[in-house]
C-alpha cells in the first residue's frame, strides 16, 4: 500500500510538463536571476551551465509552479547550486519565496557577494529581475 507521501509525489509529478525527450524545466527555488536581456543575464546562465553541464544533478522538488515547472533545490553532489549562484553574485535571494532554514543562509550569501562586488554586484544599483520584468510588461502595454 502506498503512503500518503508517495501518492502526493505522484500527483505532483503528473502536474509537471514533460518534453518529448523526457526532460522537464526546473525553476531554481528561492533565487531570481537576471533576465537574458538584462545586464549579467548571459553571465548568470553561463555560470549555471558551468556548474551543472554534463553532471548528474539531484532535485529536491519544493513545488510545481503555474507553468508546470519543478521548483527545486538543485544539487551536484553536496553542492547546492541555487545557493552557489547567489554566492557567485549571479542571483538574488528571493526572500519572498524562501522558507526557513534557507532565508538566513541565502540572505547572508547575497550580502557577502554584494560586499565583494561579485557578478551583478559590480553594478552600483542593479535592477532586480522582478522589477525588470514589470518594466518590460509595462513597455509592451504602451
C-alpha atoms as a PDB file:
ATOM      1  CA  UNK A   1       0.000   0.000   0.000  1.00  0.00           C
ATOM      2  CA  UNK A   2       1.320   3.440  -0.924  1.00  0.00           C
ATOM      3  CA  UNK A   3       1.884   6.012   1.774  1.00  0.00           C
ATOM      4  CA  UNK A   4       0.109   9.387   1.559  1.00  0.00           C
ATOM      5  CA  UNK A   5       3.506  10.948   0.766  1.00  0.00           C
ATOM      6  CA  UNK A   6       4.052   8.665  -2.254  1.00  0.00           C
ATOM      7  CA  UNK A   7       0.539   9.448  -3.513  1.00  0.00           C
ATOM      8  CA  UNK A   8       1.267  13.170  -3.040  1.00  0.00           C
ATOM      9  CA  UNK A   9       4.515  12.878  -5.030  1.00  0.00           C
ATOM     10  CA  UNK A  10       2.824  11.040  -7.876  1.00  0.00           C
ATOM     11  CA  UNK A  11       0.159  13.749  -8.132  1.00  0.00           C
ATOM     12  CA  UNK A  12       2.865  16.427  -8.172  1.00  0.00           C
ATOM     13  CA  UNK A  13       4.827  14.631 -10.888  1.00  0.00           C
ATOM     14  CA  UNK A  14       1.699  14.307 -13.013  1.00  0.00           C
ATOM     15  CA  UNK A  15       1.370  18.104 -12.859  1.00  0.00           C
ATOM     16  CA  UNK A  16       4.816  18.554 -14.461  1.00  0.00           C
ATOM     17  CA  UNK A  17       5.134  19.243 -18.146  1.00  0.00           C
ATOM     18  CA  UNK A  18       7.415  16.639 -19.706  1.00  0.00           C
ATOM     19  CA  UNK A  19       9.080  17.279 -23.043  1.00  0.00           C
ATOM     20  CA  UNK A  20       9.229  14.601 -25.748  1.00  0.00           C
ATOM     21  CA  UNK A  21      12.745  13.667 -24.633  1.00  0.00           C
ATOM     22  CA  UNK A  22      11.549  13.172 -21.036  1.00  0.00           C
ATOM     23  CA  UNK A  23      13.172  16.355 -19.733  1.00  0.00           C
ATOM     24  CA  UNK A  24      11.496  18.948 -17.544  1.00  0.00           C
ATOM     25  CA  UNK A  25      12.035  22.643 -16.902  1.00  0.00           C
ATOM     26  CA  UNK A  26      13.317  23.445 -13.444  1.00  0.00           C
ATOM     27  CA  UNK A  27      12.873  26.791 -11.681  1.00  0.00           C
ATOM     28  CA  UNK A  28      15.595  27.208  -9.072  1.00  0.00           C
ATOM     29  CA  UNK A  29      13.925  27.534  -5.689  1.00  0.00           C
ATOM     30  CA  UNK A  30      14.499  30.664  -3.632  1.00  0.00           C
ATOM     31  CA  UNK A  31      16.509  32.677  -6.143  1.00  0.00           C
ATOM     32  CA  UNK A  32      15.872  35.018  -9.044  1.00  0.00           C
ATOM     33  CA  UNK A  33      18.429  35.684 -11.760  1.00  0.00           C
ATOM     34  CA  UNK A  34      18.822  38.465 -14.311  1.00  0.00           C
ATOM     35  CA  UNK A  35      16.765  38.048 -17.481  1.00  0.00           C
ATOM     36  CA  UNK A  36      18.727  37.279 -20.653  1.00  0.00           C
ATOM     37  CA  UNK A  37      18.267  40.840 -21.982  1.00  0.00           C
ATOM     38  CA  UNK A  38      19.294  42.282 -18.628  1.00  0.00           C
ATOM     39  CA  UNK A  39      22.881  43.065 -17.549  1.00  0.00           C
ATOM     40  CA  UNK A  40      24.560  39.858 -16.281  1.00  0.00           C
ATOM     41  CA  UNK A  41      21.811  37.610 -17.658  1.00  0.00           C
ATOM     42  CA  UNK A  42      24.198  35.819 -20.004  1.00  0.00           C
ATOM     43  CA  UNK A  43      26.877  35.574 -17.319  1.00  0.00           C
ATOM     44  CA  UNK A  44      24.367  34.066 -14.884  1.00  0.00           C
ATOM     45  CA  UNK A  45      23.347  31.463 -17.475  1.00  0.00           C
ATOM     46  CA  UNK A  46      26.997  30.653 -18.211  1.00  0.00           C
ATOM     47  CA  UNK A  47      27.730  30.251 -14.505  1.00  0.00           C
ATOM     48  CA  UNK A  48      24.815  27.830 -14.157  1.00  0.00           C
ATOM     49  CA  UNK A  49      25.976  25.861 -17.203  1.00  0.00           C
ATOM     50  CA  UNK A  50      29.468  25.610 -15.711  1.00  0.00           C
ATOM     51  CA  UNK A  51      28.009  24.224 -12.503  1.00  0.00           C
ATOM     52  CA  UNK A  52      25.683  21.599 -13.992  1.00  0.00           C
ATOM     53  CA  UNK A  53      26.529  20.828 -17.637  1.00  0.00           C
ATOM     54  CA  UNK A  54      27.328  17.174 -18.169  1.00  0.00           C
ATOM     55  CA  UNK A  55      26.898  16.409 -14.479  1.00  0.00           C
ATOM     56  CA  UNK A  56      24.362  14.333 -12.621  1.00  0.00           C
ATOM     57  CA  UNK A  57      22.056  16.586 -10.661  1.00  0.00           C
ATOM     58  CA  UNK A  58      19.704  15.781  -7.832  1.00  0.00           C
ATOM     59  CA  UNK A  59      16.494  17.751  -7.441  1.00  0.00           C
ATOM     60  CA  UNK A  60      14.720  18.437  -4.191  1.00  0.00           C
ATOM     61  CA  UNK A  61      11.360  19.487  -5.599  1.00  0.00           C
ATOM     62  CA  UNK A  62       9.623  22.046  -3.410  1.00  0.00           C
ATOM     63  CA  UNK A  63       6.635  22.780  -5.636  1.00  0.00           C
ATOM     64  CA  UNK A  64       5.222  22.778  -9.158  1.00  0.00           C
ATOM     65  CA  UNK A  65       4.580  26.319 -10.400  1.00  0.00           C
ATOM     66  CA  UNK A  66       1.774  27.666 -12.591  1.00  0.00           C
ATOM     67  CA  UNK A  67       3.872  26.987 -15.714  1.00  0.00           C
ATOM     68  CA  UNK A  68       4.229  23.287 -14.775  1.00  0.00           C
ATOM     69  CA  UNK A  69       7.917  23.670 -13.891  1.00  0.00           C
ATOM     70  CA  UNK A  70       9.529  21.881 -10.977  1.00  0.00           C
ATOM     71  CA  UNK A  71      10.558  24.455  -8.372  1.00  0.00           C
ATOM     72  CA  UNK A  72      13.556  22.774  -6.805  1.00  0.00           C
ATOM     73  CA  UNK A  73      16.811  22.909  -4.972  1.00  0.00           C
ATOM     74  CA  UNK A  74      19.415  21.581  -7.394  1.00  0.00           C
ATOM     75  CA  UNK A  75      22.452  19.676  -6.154  1.00  0.00           C
ATOM     76  CA  UNK A  76      25.594  18.387  -7.822  1.00  0.00           C
ATOM     77  CA  UNK A  77      26.953  16.057  -5.184  1.00  0.00           C
ATOM     78  CA  UNK A  78      26.558  18.031  -1.964  1.00  0.00           C
ATOM     79  CA  UNK A  79      26.855  21.446  -3.682  1.00  0.00           C
ATOM     80  CA  UNK A  80      23.625  23.462  -3.537  1.00  0.00           C
ATOM     81  CA  UNK A  81      23.590  25.061  -7.000  1.00  0.00           C
ATOM     82  CA  UNK A  82      20.896  27.610  -6.079  1.00  0.00           C
ATOM     83  CA  UNK A  83      22.966  28.910  -3.176  1.00  0.00           C
ATOM     84  CA  UNK A  84      26.158  28.806  -5.249  1.00  0.00           C
ATOM     85  CA  UNK A  85      24.605  31.119  -7.841  1.00  0.00           C
ATOM     86  CA  UNK A  86      23.850  33.611  -5.050  1.00  0.00           C
ATOM     87  CA  UNK A  87      27.392  33.265  -3.665  1.00  0.00           C
ATOM     88  CA  UNK A  88      28.849  33.942  -7.111  1.00  0.00           C
ATOM     89  CA  UNK A  89      26.774  37.095  -7.423  1.00  0.00           C
ATOM     90  CA  UNK A  90      24.559  35.830 -10.245  1.00  0.00           C
ATOM     91  CA  UNK A  91      21.274  35.643  -8.350  1.00  0.00           C
ATOM     92  CA  UNK A  92      19.220  37.442  -5.768  1.00  0.00           C
ATOM     93  CA  UNK A  93      18.000  35.591  -2.721  1.00  0.00           C
ATOM     94  CA  UNK A  94      14.254  35.692  -3.431  1.00  0.00           C
ATOM     95  CA  UNK A  95      13.290  36.228   0.201  1.00  0.00           C
ATOM     96  CA  UNK A  96       9.571  36.396  -0.567  1.00  0.00           C
ATOM     97  CA  UNK A  97       9.682  32.743  -1.650  1.00  0.00           C
ATOM     98  CA  UNK A  98      12.280  31.316   0.737  1.00  0.00           C
ATOM     99  CA  UNK A  99      11.303  29.262   3.766  1.00  0.00           C
ATOM    100  CA  UNK A 100      13.295  28.536   6.887  1.00  0.00           C
ATOM    101  CA  UNK A 101      16.055  27.367   7.175  1.00  0.00           C
ATOM    102  CA  UNK A 102      17.145  28.834   3.830  1.00  0.00           C
ATOM    103  CA  UNK A 103      16.353  32.529   4.409  1.00  0.00           C
ATOM    104  CA  UNK A 104      19.331  33.434   6.586  1.00  0.00           C
ATOM    105  CA  UNK A 105      21.823  31.351   4.587  1.00  0.00           C
ATOM    106  CA  UNK A 106      20.760  32.794   1.220  1.00  0.00           C
ATOM    107  CA  UNK A 107      20.489  36.345   2.547  1.00  0.00           C
ATOM    108  CA  UNK A 108      23.976  36.115   4.104  1.00  0.00           C
ATOM    109  CA  UNK A 109      25.382  34.776   0.832  1.00  0.00           C
ATOM    110  CA  UNK A 110      23.825  37.671  -1.091  1.00  0.00           C
ATOM    111  CA  UNK A 111      25.186  40.232   1.381  1.00  0.00           C
ATOM    112  CA  UNK A 112      28.680  38.743   1.050  1.00  0.00           C
ATOM    113  CA  UNK A 113      28.533  38.735  -2.771  1.00  0.00           C
ATOM    114  CA  UNK A 114      27.362  42.370  -2.658  1.00  0.00           C
ATOM    115  CA  UNK A 115      30.178  43.409  -0.325  1.00  0.00           C
ATOM    116  CA  UNK A 116      32.766  41.685  -2.549  1.00  0.00           C
ATOM    117  CA  UNK A 117      31.296  43.177  -5.728  1.00  0.00           C
ATOM    118  CA  UNK A 118      30.849  39.765  -7.345  1.00  0.00           C
ATOM    119  CA  UNK A 119      28.905  39.187 -10.545  1.00  0.00           C
ATOM    120  CA  UNK A 120      25.949  41.518 -10.956  1.00  0.00           C
ATOM    121  CA  UNK A 121      27.005  43.339  -7.783  1.00  0.00           C
ATOM    122  CA  UNK A 122      29.749  45.029  -9.824  1.00  0.00           C
ATOM    123  CA  UNK A 123      26.903  47.387 -10.778  1.00  0.00           C
ATOM    124  CA  UNK A 124      26.184  50.222  -8.375  1.00  0.00           C
ATOM    125  CA  UNK A 125      22.432  49.591  -8.246  1.00  0.00           C
ATOM    126  CA  UNK A 126      21.335  46.550 -10.260  1.00  0.00           C
ATOM    127  CA  UNK A 127      17.668  46.221 -11.149  1.00  0.00           C
ATOM    128  CA  UNK A 128      16.141  43.083  -9.626  1.00  0.00           C
ATOM    129  CA  UNK A 129      14.678  40.776 -12.279  1.00  0.00           C
ATOM    130  CA  UNK A 130      11.135  41.002 -10.865  1.00  0.00           C
ATOM    131  CA  UNK A 131      11.285  44.787 -11.400  1.00  0.00           C
ATOM    132  CA  UNK A 132      12.867  44.323 -14.859  1.00  0.00           C
ATOM    133  CA  UNK A 133      10.010  42.023 -15.911  1.00  0.00           C
ATOM    134  CA  UNK A 134       7.434  44.522 -14.599  1.00  0.00           C
ATOM    135  CA  UNK A 135       9.047  47.332 -16.627  1.00  0.00           C
ATOM    136  CA  UNK A 136       9.067  45.138 -19.762  1.00  0.00           C
ATOM    137  CA  UNK A 137       5.380  44.270 -19.307  1.00  0.00           C
ATOM    138  CA  UNK A 138       4.529  47.973 -18.956  1.00  0.00           C
ATOM    139  CA  UNK A 139       6.530  48.821 -22.088  1.00  0.00           C
ATOM    140  CA  UNK A 140       4.586  46.201 -24.061  1.00  0.00           C
ATOM    141  CA  UNK A 141       1.251  47.600 -22.928  1.00  0.00           C
ATOM    142  CA  UNK A 142       2.005  51.056 -24.395  1.00  0.00           C
END
